[in-house]
């Protein structure tokens, strides 16, 4: 039961990651890493294919070997999180706790990502 679920989750994650290549507000790296993690459990064949892919392979290898994220990806993620928080603050100023919760989540994610080594 779990193998088909993880395979499907990996396929959907990769599809969303591919869409994120062309859409500026949708991140690519986390969805590709999620696809690799799901396929590592469900399908060694697809995981191997993704690991050897010329575009996605290096980011997966950096993550699996060193838990590293490229500096450029970090800066892009920081700027997108800041833009998202500003949009939430602008569009939903009341109640105050919604933008505050969004900012807290973004700050926590940024702090975690900042502590990761650069690829």
Protein backbone atom coordinates (compact mmCIF):
# COMPACT_ATOMS: atom_id res chain seq x y z
CA UNK A 1 0.00 0.00 0.00
CA UNK A 2 2.77 2.49 0.83
CA UNK A 3 4.84 1.88 -2.32
CA UNK A 4 2.13 3.15 -4.71
CA UNK A 5 1.48 6.11 -2.40
CA UNK A 6 5.15 7.10 -2.30
CA UNK A 7 5.51 6.56 -6.05
CA UNK A 8 2.51 8.81 -6.75
CA UNK A 9 3.69 11.43 -4.26
CA UNK A 10 7.11 11.40 -5.94
CA UNK A 11 5.58 11.82 -9.38
CA UNK A 12 3.35 14.70 -8.26
CA UNK A 13 6.26 16.36 -6.45
CA UNK A 14 8.46 16.15 -9.52
CA UNK A 15 5.67 17.57 -11.69
CA UNK A 16 5.22 20.51 -9.30
CA UNK A 17 9.00 21.00 -9.23
CA UNK A 18 9.11 21.12 -13.03
CA UNK A 19 6.31 23.70 -13.05
CA UNK A 20 8.37 25.64 -10.50
CA UNK A 21 11.14 26.04 -13.07
CA UNK A 22 8.99 28.42 -15.10
CA UNK A 23 6.82 29.95 -12.35
CA UNK A 24 8.85 32.39 -10.26
CA UNK A 25 6.91 32.01 -6.99
CA UNK A 26 6.94 28.21 -6.94
CA UNK A 27 10.18 26.63 -5.68
CA UNK A 28 11.77 23.77 -7.59
CA UNK A 29 14.37 22.34 -5.21
CA UNK A 30 12.14 21.22 -2.29
CA UNK A 31 9.73 19.39 -4.59
CA UNK A 32 12.54 17.63 -6.47
CA UNK A 33 14.12 16.60 -3.15
CA UNK A 34 10.73 15.31 -1.97
CA UNK A 35 10.36 13.33 -5.20
CA UNK A 36 13.82 11.81 -4.67
CA UNK A 37 12.98 10.86 -1.08
CA UNK A 38 9.67 9.29 -2.09
CA UNK A 39 11.18 7.38 -4.98
CA UNK A 40 14.04 6.17 -2.79
CA UNK A 41 11.36 4.33 -0.80
CA UNK A 42 9.07 3.31 -3.66
CA UNK A 43 11.08 2.87 -6.84
CA UNK A 44 14.85 2.45 -7.00
CA UNK A 45 14.63 2.71 -10.80
CA UNK A 46 13.02 6.16 -10.77
CA UNK A 47 15.29 7.31 -7.93
CA UNK A 48 18.33 6.26 -9.96
CA UNK A 49 16.97 8.07 -13.03
CA UNK A 50 16.39 11.24 -11.02
CA UNK A 51 19.82 10.93 -9.38
CA UNK A 52 21.47 10.75 -12.82
CA UNK A 53 19.37 13.50 -14.41
CA UNK A 54 21.56 16.31 -15.80
CA UNK A 55 19.49 19.11 -14.26
CA UNK A 56 18.06 17.57 -11.07
CA UNK A 57 20.88 15.13 -10.31
CA UNK A 58 23.41 17.60 -8.87
CA UNK A 59 20.93 19.13 -6.40
CA UNK A 60 19.86 15.68 -5.21
CA UNK A 61 23.46 14.48 -4.89
CA UNK A 62 24.44 17.59 -2.91
CA UNK A 63 21.52 17.05 -0.57
CA UNK A 64 21.98 13.31 -0.10
CA UNK A 65 25.76 13.45 0.35
CA UNK A 66 26.30 16.73 2.23
CA UNK A 67 22.84 18.04 3.16
CA UNK A 68 23.90 21.13 1.20
CA UNK A 69 21.84 23.70 -0.71
CA UNK A 70 23.35 26.04 -3.31
CA UNK A 71 23.82 29.60 -2.05
CA UNK A 72 21.87 30.97 -5.01
CA UNK A 73 18.91 28.76 -4.10
CA UNK A 74 19.07 29.98 -0.51
CA UNK A 75 19.02 33.63 -1.55
CA UNK A 76 16.17 32.98 -3.94
CA UNK A 77 14.20 31.20 -1.21
CA UNK A 78 14.84 34.05 1.25
CA UNK A 79 13.65 36.66 -1.22
CA UNK A 80 10.55 34.65 -2.15
CA UNK A 81 9.66 34.12 1.51
CA UNK A 82 10.05 37.84 2.21
CA UNK A 83 7.90 38.71 -0.81
CA UNK A 84 5.26 36.19 0.29
CA UNK A 85 5.16 37.63 3.81
CA UNK A 86 4.78 41.15 2.44
CA UNK A 87 1.94 40.04 0.17
CA UNK A 88 0.17 38.32 3.07
CA UNK A 89 0.60 41.45 5.21
CA UNK A 90 -0.75 43.63 2.41
CA UNK A 91 -3.70 41.42 1.48
CA UNK A 92 -4.68 40.11 4.95
CA UNK A 93 -3.80 42.78 7.53
CA UNK A 94 -6.59 41.70 9.91
CA UNK A 95 -6.59 39.56 11.95
CA UNK A 96 -3.01 40.37 12.90
CA UNK A 97 -2.07 36.80 13.79
CA UNK A 98 -2.27 35.53 10.18
CA UNK A 99 0.64 37.64 8.87
CA UNK A 100 2.47 37.06 12.15
CA UNK A 101 2.14 33.27 11.76
CA UNK A 102 3.27 33.45 8.13
CA UNK A 103 6.28 35.56 9.14
CA UNK A 104 7.14 33.14 11.96
CA UNK A 105 7.03 30.16 9.58
CA UNK A 106 9.16 31.97 7.01
CA UNK A 107 11.69 33.07 9.62
CA UNK A 108 11.93 29.55 11.01
CA UNK A 109 12.45 28.11 7.54
CA UNK A 110 15.01 30.78 6.66
CA UNK A 111 16.95 30.15 9.89
CA UNK A 112 17.00 26.41 9.24
CA UNK A 113 18.10 26.90 5.63
CA UNK A 114 20.78 29.44 6.57
CA UNK A 115 22.41 26.85 8.85
CA UNK A 116 22.76 24.32 6.00
CA UNK A 117 26.11 24.17 4.23
CA UNK A 118 26.47 25.77 0.80
CA UNK A 119 26.71 23.43 -2.17
